C-alpha atoms as a PDB file:
ATOM      1  CA  MET A   1      -6.481  15.823  -9.912  1.00  0.00           C
ATOM      2  CA  SER A   2      -5.892  12.613 -11.776  1.00  0.00           C
ATOM      3  CA  LYS A   3      -7.689   9.388 -12.636  1.00  0.00           C
ATOM      4  CA  SER A   4      -8.642   6.978  -9.843  1.00  0.00           C
ATOM      5  CA  TYR A   5      -7.709   3.311  -9.792  1.00  0.00           C
ATOM      6  CA  ILE A   6      -9.870   0.844  -7.939  1.00  0.00           C
ATOM      7  CA  LYS A   7      -8.618  -2.624  -7.066  1.00  0.00           C
ATOM      8  CA  LYS A   8      -9.744  -5.253  -4.549  1.00  0.00           C
ATOM      9  CA  ILE A   9      -7.318  -7.949  -3.420  1.00  0.00           C
ATOM     10  CA  LYS A  10      -7.494 -10.723  -0.822  1.00  0.00           C
ATOM     11  CA  LEU A  11      -5.702  -9.687   2.362  1.00  0.00           C
ATOM     12  CA  SER A  12      -4.177 -13.165   2.641  1.00  0.00           C
ATOM     13  CA  TYR A  13      -2.471 -12.645  -0.742  1.00  0.00           C
ATOM     14  CA  ILE A  14      -1.016  -9.251   0.270  1.00  0.00           C
ATOM     15  CA  GLU A  15       0.058 -10.530   3.686  1.00  0.00           C
ATOM     16  CA  GLY A  16       1.739 -13.559   2.096  1.00  0.00           C
ATOM     17  CA  TRP A  17       3.616 -11.336  -0.360  1.00  0.00           C
ATOM     18  CA  ILE A  18       4.911  -8.876   2.258  1.00  0.00           C
ATOM     19  CA  ASN A  19       5.095 -11.445   5.098  1.00  0.00           C
ATOM     20  CA  LYS A  20       3.340  -9.085   7.538  1.00  0.00           C
ATOM     21  CA  THR A  21      -0.142  -8.802   9.036  1.00  0.00           C
ATOM     22  CA  LEU A  22      -2.295  -5.849   7.988  1.00  0.00           C
ATOM     23  CA  LYS A  23      -4.764  -3.993  10.186  1.00  0.00           C
ATOM     24  CA  ARG A  24      -8.368  -4.964   9.502  1.00  0.00           C
ATOM     25  CA  ASN A  25     -11.244  -2.533   8.900  1.00  0.00           C
ATOM     26  CA  THR A  26      -8.879   0.411   8.557  1.00  0.00           C
ATOM     27  CA  ILE A  27      -8.645   3.324   6.132  1.00  0.00           C
ATOM     28  CA  SER A  28      -5.163   4.633   5.390  1.00  0.00           C
ATOM     29  CA  ILE A  29      -4.233   7.613   3.239  1.00  0.00           C
ATOM     30  CA  GLY A  30      -0.673   7.793   1.898  1.00  0.00           C
ATOM     31  CA  TRP A  31       0.811  11.173   0.976  1.00  0.00           C
ATOM     32  CA  ASP A  32       3.866  11.320  -1.299  1.00  0.00           C
ATOM     33  CA  VAL A  33       4.668  14.979  -0.655  1.00  0.00           C
ATOM     34  CA  ALA A  34       6.400  16.901  -3.448  1.00  0.00           C
ATOM     35  CA  MET A  35       6.890  20.493  -4.551  1.00  0.00           C
ATOM     36  CA  ARG A  36       4.957  20.095  -7.782  1.00  0.00           C
ATOM     37  CA  GLU A  37       2.855  16.921  -7.665  1.00  0.00           C
ATOM     38  CA  THR A  38       1.792  15.279  -4.430  1.00  0.00           C
ATOM     39  CA  GLY A  39       0.559  11.712  -4.884  1.00  0.00           C
ATOM     40  CA  ILE A  40      -2.317  10.525  -2.717  1.00  0.00           C
ATOM     41  CA  SER A  41      -3.675   7.009  -2.210  1.00  0.00           C
ATOM     42  CA  VAL A  42      -6.649   5.868  -0.187  1.00  0.00           C
ATOM     43  CA  ILE A  43      -6.546   2.229   0.892  1.00  0.00           C
ATOM     44  CA  ARG A  44      -9.244   0.475   2.900  1.00  0.00           C
ATOM     45  CA  THR A  45      -9.155  -2.956   4.486  1.00  0.00           C
ATOM     46  CA  THR A  46     -12.047  -5.165   5.473  1.00  0.00           C
ATOM     47  CA  ASN A  47     -11.806  -8.465   7.345  1.00  0.00           C
ATOM     48  CA  ASN A  48     -10.747 -10.233   4.134  1.00  0.00           C
ATOM     49  CA  SER A  49      -9.800  -7.646   1.510  1.00  0.00           C
ATOM     50  CA  LEU A  50      -7.522  -4.757   0.722  1.00  0.00           C
ATOM     51  CA  ILE A  51      -9.191  -2.171  -1.487  1.00  0.00           C
ATOM     52  CA  LEU A  52      -7.278   0.516  -3.344  1.00  0.00           C
ATOM     53  CA  GLU A  53     -10.119   3.011  -3.233  1.00  0.00           C
ATOM     54  CA  GLN A  54      -8.635   6.028  -4.924  1.00  0.00           C
ATOM     55  CA  THR A  55      -5.463   7.633  -6.212  1.00  0.00           C
ATOM     56  CA  LEU A  56      -4.994  11.223  -7.240  1.00  0.00           C
ATOM     57  CA  LYS A  57      -2.519  14.056  -7.361  1.00  0.00           C
ATOM     58  CA  ILE A  58      -2.433  17.606  -6.128  1.00  0.00           C
ATOM     59  CA  SER A  59      -0.524  19.706  -8.649  1.00  0.00           C
ATOM     60  CA  VAL A  60       1.209  23.050  -8.261  1.00  0.00           C
ATOM     61  CA  PRO A  61       2.710  24.521 -11.458  1.00  0.00           C
ATOM     62  CA  LYS A  62       6.295  25.689 -11.781  1.00  0.00           C
ATOM     63  CA  ASN A  63       7.078  29.397 -11.873  1.00  0.00           C
ATOM     64  CA  ILE A  64       4.487  30.319  -9.286  1.00  0.00           C
ATOM     65  CA  LYS A  65       5.253  32.415  -6.224  1.00  0.00           C
ATOM     66  CA  LEU A  66       5.701  30.534  -2.959  1.00  0.00           C
ATOM     67  CA  LEU A  67       2.621  31.917  -1.206  1.00  0.00           C
ATOM     68  CA  ASP A  68       0.528  31.366  -4.333  1.00  0.00           C
ATOM     69  CA  SER A  69       1.713  27.748  -4.481  1.00  0.00           C
ATOM     70  CA  ILE A  70       0.785  27.282  -0.826  1.00  0.00           C
ATOM     71  CA  ASP A  71      -2.665  28.786  -1.427  1.00  0.00           C
ATOM     72  CA  LEU A  72      -3.215  26.542  -4.459  1.00  0.00           C
ATOM     73  CA  PHE A  73      -2.049  23.487  -2.510  1.00  0.00           C
ATOM     74  CA  ILE A  74      -4.386  24.305   0.403  1.00  0.00           C
ATOM     75  CA  SER A  75      -7.329  24.843  -1.952  1.00  0.00           C
ATOM     76  CA  GLN A  76      -6.865  21.427  -3.592  1.00  0.00           C
ATOM     77  CA  LEU A  77      -6.196  19.819  -0.225  1.00  0.00           C
ATOM     78  CA  GLN A  78      -9.430  21.181   1.218  1.00  0.00           C
ATOM     79  CA  ASN A  79     -11.418  20.047  -1.839  1.00  0.00           C
ATOM     80  CA  PHE A  80     -10.059  16.518  -1.359  1.00  0.00           C
ATOM     81  CA  LYS A  81     -10.729  16.643   2.385  1.00  0.00           C
ATOM     82  CA  ASN A  82     -14.345  17.714   1.833  1.00  0.00           C
ATOM     83  CA  LYS A  83     -14.956  14.806  -0.537  1.00  0.00           C
ATOM     84  CA  ILE A  84     -13.071  12.116   1.361  1.00  0.00           C
ATOM     85  CA  SER A  85     -14.336  12.987   4.851  1.00  0.00           C
ATOM     86  CA  LYS A  86     -17.937  12.686   3.668  1.00  0.00           C
ATOM     87  CA  LYS A  87     -17.256   9.198   2.318  1.00  0.00           C
ATOM     88  CA  TYR A  88     -14.903   7.690   4.945  1.00  0.00           C
ATOM     89  CA  LYS A  89     -13.923   7.802   8.573  1.00  0.00           C
ATOM     90  CA  ILE A  90     -10.141   8.039   8.183  1.00  0.00           C
ATOM     91  CA  ASP A  91      -8.043   5.986  10.572  1.00  0.00           C
ATOM     92  CA  ILE A  92      -4.507   6.963   9.602  1.00  0.00           C
ATOM     93  CA  ASN A  93      -2.728   9.539   7.470  1.00  0.00           C
ATOM     94  CA  VAL A  94       0.766   8.503   6.467  1.00  0.00           C
ATOM     95  CA  ILE A  95       2.715  11.542   5.325  1.00  0.00           C
ATOM     96  CA  GLU A  96       6.115  11.186   3.703  1.00  0.00           C
ATOM     97  CA  ASP A  97       8.715  12.676   6.001  1.00  0.00           C
ATOM     98  CA  CYS A  98      11.182  14.899   4.221  1.00  0.00           C
ATOM     99  CA  PHE A  99      14.925  14.853   4.411  1.00  0.00           C
ATOM    100  CA  PHE A 100      17.659  17.157   3.177  1.00  0.00           C
ATOM    101  CA  LEU A 101      18.977  15.951  -0.143  1.00  0.00           C
ATOM    102  CA  LYS A 102      20.702  18.701  -2.071  1.00  0.00           C
ATOM    103  CA  ASN A 103      18.371  21.669  -2.044  1.00  0.00           C
ATOM    104  CA  VAL A 104      17.330  23.596   1.056  1.00  0.00           C
ATOM    105  CA  LEU A 105      14.426  25.249  -0.805  1.00  0.00           C
ATOM    106  CA  THR A 106      13.018  21.827  -1.673  1.00  0.00           C
ATOM    107  CA  LEU A 107      13.354  20.701   1.935  1.00  0.00           C
ATOM    108  CA  LYS A 108      11.522  23.810   3.141  1.00  0.00           C
ATOM    109  CA  ALA A 109       8.710  23.377   0.618  1.00  0.00           C
ATOM    110  CA  LEU A 110       8.268  19.683   1.439  1.00  0.00           C
ATOM    111  CA  SER A 111       8.155  20.332   5.153  1.00  0.00           C
ATOM    112  CA  ARG A 112       5.586  23.116   4.652  1.00  0.00           C
ATOM    113  CA  PHE A 113       3.339  20.951   2.472  1.00  0.00           C
ATOM    114  CA  GLY A 114       3.633  18.027   4.913  1.00  0.00           C
ATOM    115  CA  VAL A 115       2.559  20.260   7.798  1.00  0.00           C
ATOM    116  CA  LEU A 116      -0.329  21.633   5.714  1.00  0.00           C
ATOM    117  CA  ILE A 117      -1.571  18.076   5.195  1.00  0.00           C
ATOM    118  CA  TYR A 118      -1.254  17.378   8.912  1.00  0.00           C
ATOM    119  CA  THR A 119      -3.121  20.529   9.999  1.00  0.00           C
ATOM    120  CA  ASN A 120      -5.876  20.087   7.416  1.00  0.00           C
ATOM    121  CA  PHE A 121      -6.521  16.415   8.199  1.00  0.00           C
ATOM    122  CA  LYS A 122      -5.914  16.147  11.943  1.00  0.00           C
ATOM    123  CA  ASP A 123      -9.596  16.784  12.684  1.00  0.00           C
ATOM    124  CA  VAL A 124     -10.847  14.025  10.354  1.00  0.00           C
ATOM    125  CA  SER A 125      -8.255  11.340  11.067  1.00  0.00           C
ATOM    126  CA  LYS A 126      -7.681   9.294  14.202  1.00  0.00           C
ATOM    127  CA  GLU A 127      -3.906   9.254  13.717  1.00  0.00           C
ATOM    128  CA  THR A 128      -1.200  10.875  11.612  1.00  0.00           C
ATOM    129  CA  ILE A 129       2.356   9.695  11.200  1.00  0.00           C
ATOM    130  CA  PHE A 130       5.318  11.077   9.305  1.00  0.00           C
ATOM    131  CA  ILE A 131       7.445   8.290   7.855  1.00  0.00           C
ATOM    132  CA  MET A 132      10.588   8.182   5.760  1.00  0.00           C
ATOM    133  CA  PRO A 133      10.096   6.592   2.325  1.00  0.00           C
ATOM    134  CA  THR A 134      12.812   4.007   3.030  1.00  0.00           C
ATOM    135  CA  THR A 135      11.029   2.952   6.230  1.00  0.00           C
ATOM    136  CA  ALA A 136       7.681   2.572   4.430  1.00  0.00           C
ATOM    137  CA  ARG A 137       9.319   0.516   1.685  1.00  0.00           C
ATOM    138  CA  SER A 138      10.984  -1.720   4.238  1.00  0.00           C
ATOM    139  CA  ARG A 139       7.682  -2.228   6.086  1.00  0.00           C
ATOM    140  CA  ILE A 140       6.035  -3.612   2.962  1.00  0.00           C
ATOM    141  CA  GLY A 141       8.950  -5.842   1.962  1.00  0.00           C
ATOM    142  CA  PHE A 142      10.386  -3.809  -0.922  1.00  0.00           C
ATOM    143  CA  LYS A 143      14.082  -4.353  -1.602  1.00  0.00           C
ATOM    144  CA  LYS A 144      15.881  -2.623  -4.434  1.00  0.00           C
ATOM    145  CA  SER A 145      17.816  -4.822  -6.818  1.00  0.00           C
ATOM    146  CA  GLY A 146      21.223  -3.282  -6.100  1.00  0.00           C
ATOM    147  CA  LYS A 147      23.081  -0.775  -3.941  1.00  0.00           C
ATOM    148  CA  GLY A 148      23.631   1.706  -6.777  1.00  0.00           C
ATOM    149  CA  ILE A 149      19.973   1.843  -7.809  1.00  0.00           C
ATOM    150  CA  LYS A 150      18.483   5.317  -7.353  1.00  0.00           C
ATOM    151  CA  GLY A 151      16.530   8.043  -9.116  1.00  0.00           C
ATOM    152  CA  LYS A 152      14.275   6.990 -11.978  1.00  0.00           C
ATOM    153  CA  TYR A 153      15.539   3.397 -11.810  1.00  0.00           C
ATOM    154  CA  LEU A 154      14.539   3.086  -8.166  1.00  0.00           C
ATOM    155  CA  LYS A 155      11.165   4.704  -8.927  1.00  0.00           C
ATOM    156  CA  LYS A 156      10.575   2.120 -11.680  1.00  0.00           C
ATOM    157  CA  GLU A 157      11.447  -0.758  -9.333  1.00  0.00           C
ATOM    158  CA  ILE A 158       8.990   0.591  -6.743  1.00  0.00           C
ATOM    159  CA  MET A 159       6.257   0.919  -9.398  1.00  0.00           C
ATOM    160  CA  ASP A 160       6.943  -2.634 -10.601  1.00  0.00           C
ATOM    161  CA  TYR A 161       6.766  -3.925  -7.016  1.00  0.00           C
ATOM    162  CA  ILE A 162       3.428  -2.185  -6.353  1.00  0.00           C
ATOM    163  CA  ASN A 163       1.996  -3.339  -9.686  1.00  0.00           C
ATOM    164  CA  GLY A 164       3.052  -6.914  -8.908  1.00  0.00           C
ATOM    165  CA  LEU A 165       1.671  -6.746  -5.383  1.00  0.00           C
ATOM    166  CA  LEU A 166      -1.677  -5.208  -6.306  1.00  0.00           C
ATOM    167  CA  GLY A 167      -2.106  -6.461  -9.874  1.00  0.00           C
ATOM    168  CA  THR A 168      -2.354  -2.892 -11.169  1.00  0.00           C
ATOM    169  CA  LYS A 169      -0.803  -1.041 -14.114  1.00  0.00           C
ATOM    170  CA  ILE A 170       0.188   2.176 -12.377  1.00  0.00           C
ATOM    171  CA  LYS A 171       2.607   4.253 -14.430  1.00  0.00           C
ATOM    172  CA  ASP A 172       3.027   7.208 -12.078  1.00  0.00           C
ATOM    173  CA  ASP A 173       5.788   7.105  -9.476  1.00  0.00           C
ATOM    174  CA  ASP A 174       4.075   9.667  -7.206  1.00  0.00           C
ATOM    175  CA  ILE A 175       1.042   7.392  -7.039  1.00  0.00           C
ATOM    176  CA  SER A 176       3.078   4.227  -6.442  1.00  0.00           C
ATOM    177  CA  ASP A 177       5.032   6.015  -3.690  1.00  0.00           C
ATOM    178  CA  SER A 178       1.790   7.134  -2.032  1.00  0.00           C
ATOM    179  CA  ILE A 179       0.545   3.525  -2.142  1.00  0.00           C
ATOM    180  CA  VAL A 180       3.751   2.392  -0.411  1.00  0.00           C
ATOM    181  CA  LEU A 181       3.107   4.951   2.337  1.00  0.00           C
ATOM    182  CA  ALA A 182      -0.578   4.023   2.749  1.00  0.00           C
ATOM    183  CA  LEU A 183       0.339   0.320   2.921  1.00  0.00           C
ATOM    184  CA  GLY A 184       3.087   1.088   5.417  1.00  0.00           C
ATOM    185  CA  GLY A 185       0.453   2.595   7.697  1.00  0.00           C
ATOM    186  CA  LEU A 186      -1.580  -0.600   7.586  1.00  0.00           C
ATOM    187  CA  ILE A 187       1.149  -2.874   8.936  1.00  0.00           C
ATOM    188  CA  GLU A 188       0.117  -4.397  12.261  1.00  0.00           C
ATOM    189  CA  ASN A 189       2.519  -4.021  15.209  1.00  0.00           C
ATOM    190  CA  ASP A 190       5.491  -2.664  13.291  1.00  0.00           C
END
């Protein structure tokens, strides 16, 4: 698991930037589900502030058998759950919904890992939603610079947007994507 970032920002600033109202006194966890490195962000709001409490990654190495990768993922997931559920009462888990891109094996792995997150956290969270990355980005006001932007260029634009919004220096696209998801779960009445 990776280094944590901690940042506190006025809610009025964030709401002005994204032009939406955020839920108060809420804890949201964003899950950027991936085959190898799943990004996780914990964001908490108070009446006046948004606090990026923690970011981390769950890593599964390449060249590992499927069931071994699932076991390793579950082990790291449960370690995180044990730590986080002692510290917070989680309001919402926002899990990246998966879609078929080009590889059926990737789709299967992503859907399995997403369901593992759901089943492991449903007893410690009031609500869980699966959300497409494009929907989460739209909720928080992100717009890519052009129609042809994708891949690493899109990832960089998302990181730049999150760093501008939060005043951070995040250099990991899994973490910035998980922040987008966690923020998307905090949008009021969307």
